[in-house]
Amino acid sequence: MKPLEAYNKGLGDHIIVTGGGSLSNMRHPEWNNSGMSEAEVIVKNLVENGVPRDVISYETSSMFSIANVIEAKKIFDFTTIDSLLFVCKSIATGRQYRTLTKHLPSNIEIRASFIEL
């Protein structure tokens, strides 16, 4: 799991997880957690793999790129950071990057990691 790898490598000290689901209803092929939002599945896996719950912020209502950012801004103060590593499906990396650069403070260095489906 890319967020877990990044956290374990010390690439960040806080994890923000977004996602209620996707408009396409496309789920990760290894996820067998019906009834759970994308964010809940990710948080569950992070905690089960040793990430302290208090370093994770998450929301479960967003369903597309712009909503991921809007909802994340409600649960995290992005003015307190100077860099951000985001993880998403490979097909959405460009769109998510453009959305983040448009809606977050311009001083934040934004880097990507993606998940192949």
Protein backbone atom coordinates (compact mmCIF):
# COMPACT_ATOMS: atom_id res chain seq x y z
CA MET A 1 0.00 0.00 0.00
CA LYS A 2 1.64 3.24 -1.19
CA PRO A 3 0.55 5.49 1.73
CA LEU A 4 1.96 2.94 4.19
CA GLU A 5 5.23 2.70 2.26
CA ALA A 6 5.57 6.49 2.20
CA TYR A 7 4.85 6.79 5.93
CA ASN A 8 7.27 3.99 6.82
CA LYS A 9 9.99 5.69 4.74
CA GLY A 10 9.49 8.87 6.75
CA LEU A 11 8.19 10.86 3.79
CA GLY A 12 5.53 12.47 5.94
CA ASP A 13 4.30 12.64 9.50
CA HIS A 14 0.58 12.95 8.74
CA ILE A 15 -1.70 11.07 6.35
CA ILE A 16 -4.86 12.55 4.85
CA VAL A 17 -7.22 10.03 3.29
CA THR A 18 -10.16 11.02 1.11
CA GLY A 19 -12.84 9.11 -0.66
CA GLY A 20 -16.36 7.91 -0.31
CA GLY A 21 -16.18 6.06 -3.60
CA SER A 22 -15.77 6.84 -7.26
CA LEU A 23 -18.34 7.84 -9.83
CA SER A 24 -17.25 4.87 -11.94
CA ASN A 25 -17.65 2.57 -8.90
CA MET A 26 -14.20 1.16 -9.79
CA ARG A 27 -12.65 -0.37 -6.68
CA HIS A 28 -9.15 -1.61 -6.14
CA PRO A 29 -9.18 -5.28 -7.23
CA GLU A 30 -7.78 -6.49 -3.89
CA TRP A 31 -10.38 -4.73 -1.72
CA ASN A 32 -13.08 -7.01 -0.33
CA ASN A 33 -14.65 -4.54 2.08
CA SER A 34 -18.12 -3.99 0.70
CA GLY A 35 -20.08 -1.28 2.45
CA MET A 36 -16.95 0.64 3.44
CA SER A 37 -15.87 3.85 1.78
CA GLU A 38 -12.51 4.00 0.03
CA ALA A 39 -11.16 6.13 2.88
CA GLU A 40 -12.37 3.70 5.56
CA VAL A 41 -10.67 0.78 3.80
CA ILE A 42 -7.40 2.69 3.55
CA VAL A 43 -7.51 3.89 7.16
CA LYS A 44 -8.32 0.37 8.39
CA ASN A 45 -5.32 -1.04 6.51
CA LEU A 46 -2.99 1.71 7.72
CA VAL A 47 -3.95 1.19 11.37
CA GLU A 48 -3.72 -2.61 11.04
CA ASN A 49 -0.18 -2.09 9.73
CA GLY A 50 0.98 0.01 12.66
CA VAL A 51 0.25 3.60 11.68
CA PRO A 52 -0.97 5.48 14.77
CA ARG A 53 -4.59 6.56 14.37
CA ASP A 54 -3.79 10.07 15.59
CA VAL A 55 -1.61 10.82 12.52
CA ILE A 56 -4.47 10.06 10.11
CA SER A 57 -7.20 12.50 9.04
CA TYR A 58 -9.91 11.26 6.72
CA GLU A 59 -13.24 12.04 5.10
CA THR A 60 -15.73 9.69 3.46
CA SER A 61 -17.96 11.85 1.28
CA SER A 62 -15.90 12.86 -1.75
CA MET A 63 -16.49 11.03 -5.02
CA PHE A 64 -14.25 12.86 -7.52
CA SER A 65 -10.99 14.84 -7.71
CA ILE A 66 -12.18 18.32 -6.82
CA ALA A 67 -14.34 16.99 -3.99
CA ASN A 68 -11.29 15.13 -2.58
CA VAL A 69 -9.50 18.47 -2.25
CA ILE A 70 -12.49 20.48 -1.00
CA GLU A 71 -13.29 17.91 1.68
CA ALA A 72 -9.62 17.53 2.65
CA LYS A 73 -9.43 21.30 3.23
CA LYS A 74 -12.25 20.93 5.76
CA ILE A 75 -10.30 18.42 7.86
CA PHE A 76 -6.71 19.66 7.47
CA ASP A 77 -5.03 23.08 7.53
CA PHE A 78 -2.83 23.07 4.43
CA THR A 79 -1.26 26.42 5.37
CA THR A 80 0.78 24.52 7.97
CA ILE A 81 2.78 22.47 5.44
CA ASP A 82 5.31 23.17 2.72
CA SER A 83 5.21 19.84 0.85
CA LEU A 84 2.63 17.22 -0.02
CA LEU A 85 2.93 13.72 -1.43
CA PHE A 86 -0.33 12.46 -2.87
CA VAL A 87 -1.24 8.90 -3.83
CA CYS A 88 -3.97 8.04 -6.32
CA LYS A 89 -4.88 5.69 -9.15
CA SER A 90 -2.46 6.05 -12.07
CA ILE A 91 -5.22 7.10 -14.46
CA ALA A 92 -6.08 10.08 -12.22
CA THR A 93 -2.60 11.35 -11.34
CA GLY A 94 -2.53 14.29 -13.77
CA ARG A 95 -6.05 15.42 -12.95
CA GLN A 96 -5.42 15.20 -9.20
CA TYR A 97 -2.14 17.11 -9.49
CA ARG A 98 -3.79 19.94 -11.45
CA THR A 99 -6.66 20.08 -8.95
CA LEU A 100 -4.30 20.24 -5.97
CA THR A 101 -2.14 22.99 -7.51
CA LYS A 102 -5.26 25.04 -8.28
CA HIS A 103 -6.85 24.77 -4.82
CA LEU A 104 -3.95 24.60 -2.33
CA PRO A 105 -1.51 27.35 -1.36
CA SER A 106 1.05 27.97 -4.11
CA ASN A 107 4.03 27.58 -1.75
CA ILE A 108 3.35 23.84 -1.27
CA GLU A 109 5.64 21.51 -3.21
CA ILE A 110 3.37 18.78 -4.59
CA ARG A 111 4.70 15.35 -5.54
CA ALA A 112 2.85 12.27 -6.78
CA SER A 113 2.91 8.54 -6.27
CA PHE A 114 0.40 6.37 -8.02
CA ILE A 115 -1.19 2.96 -7.83
CA GLU A 116 -1.34 0.83 -10.98
CA LEU A 117 -4.64 -0.92 -11.54
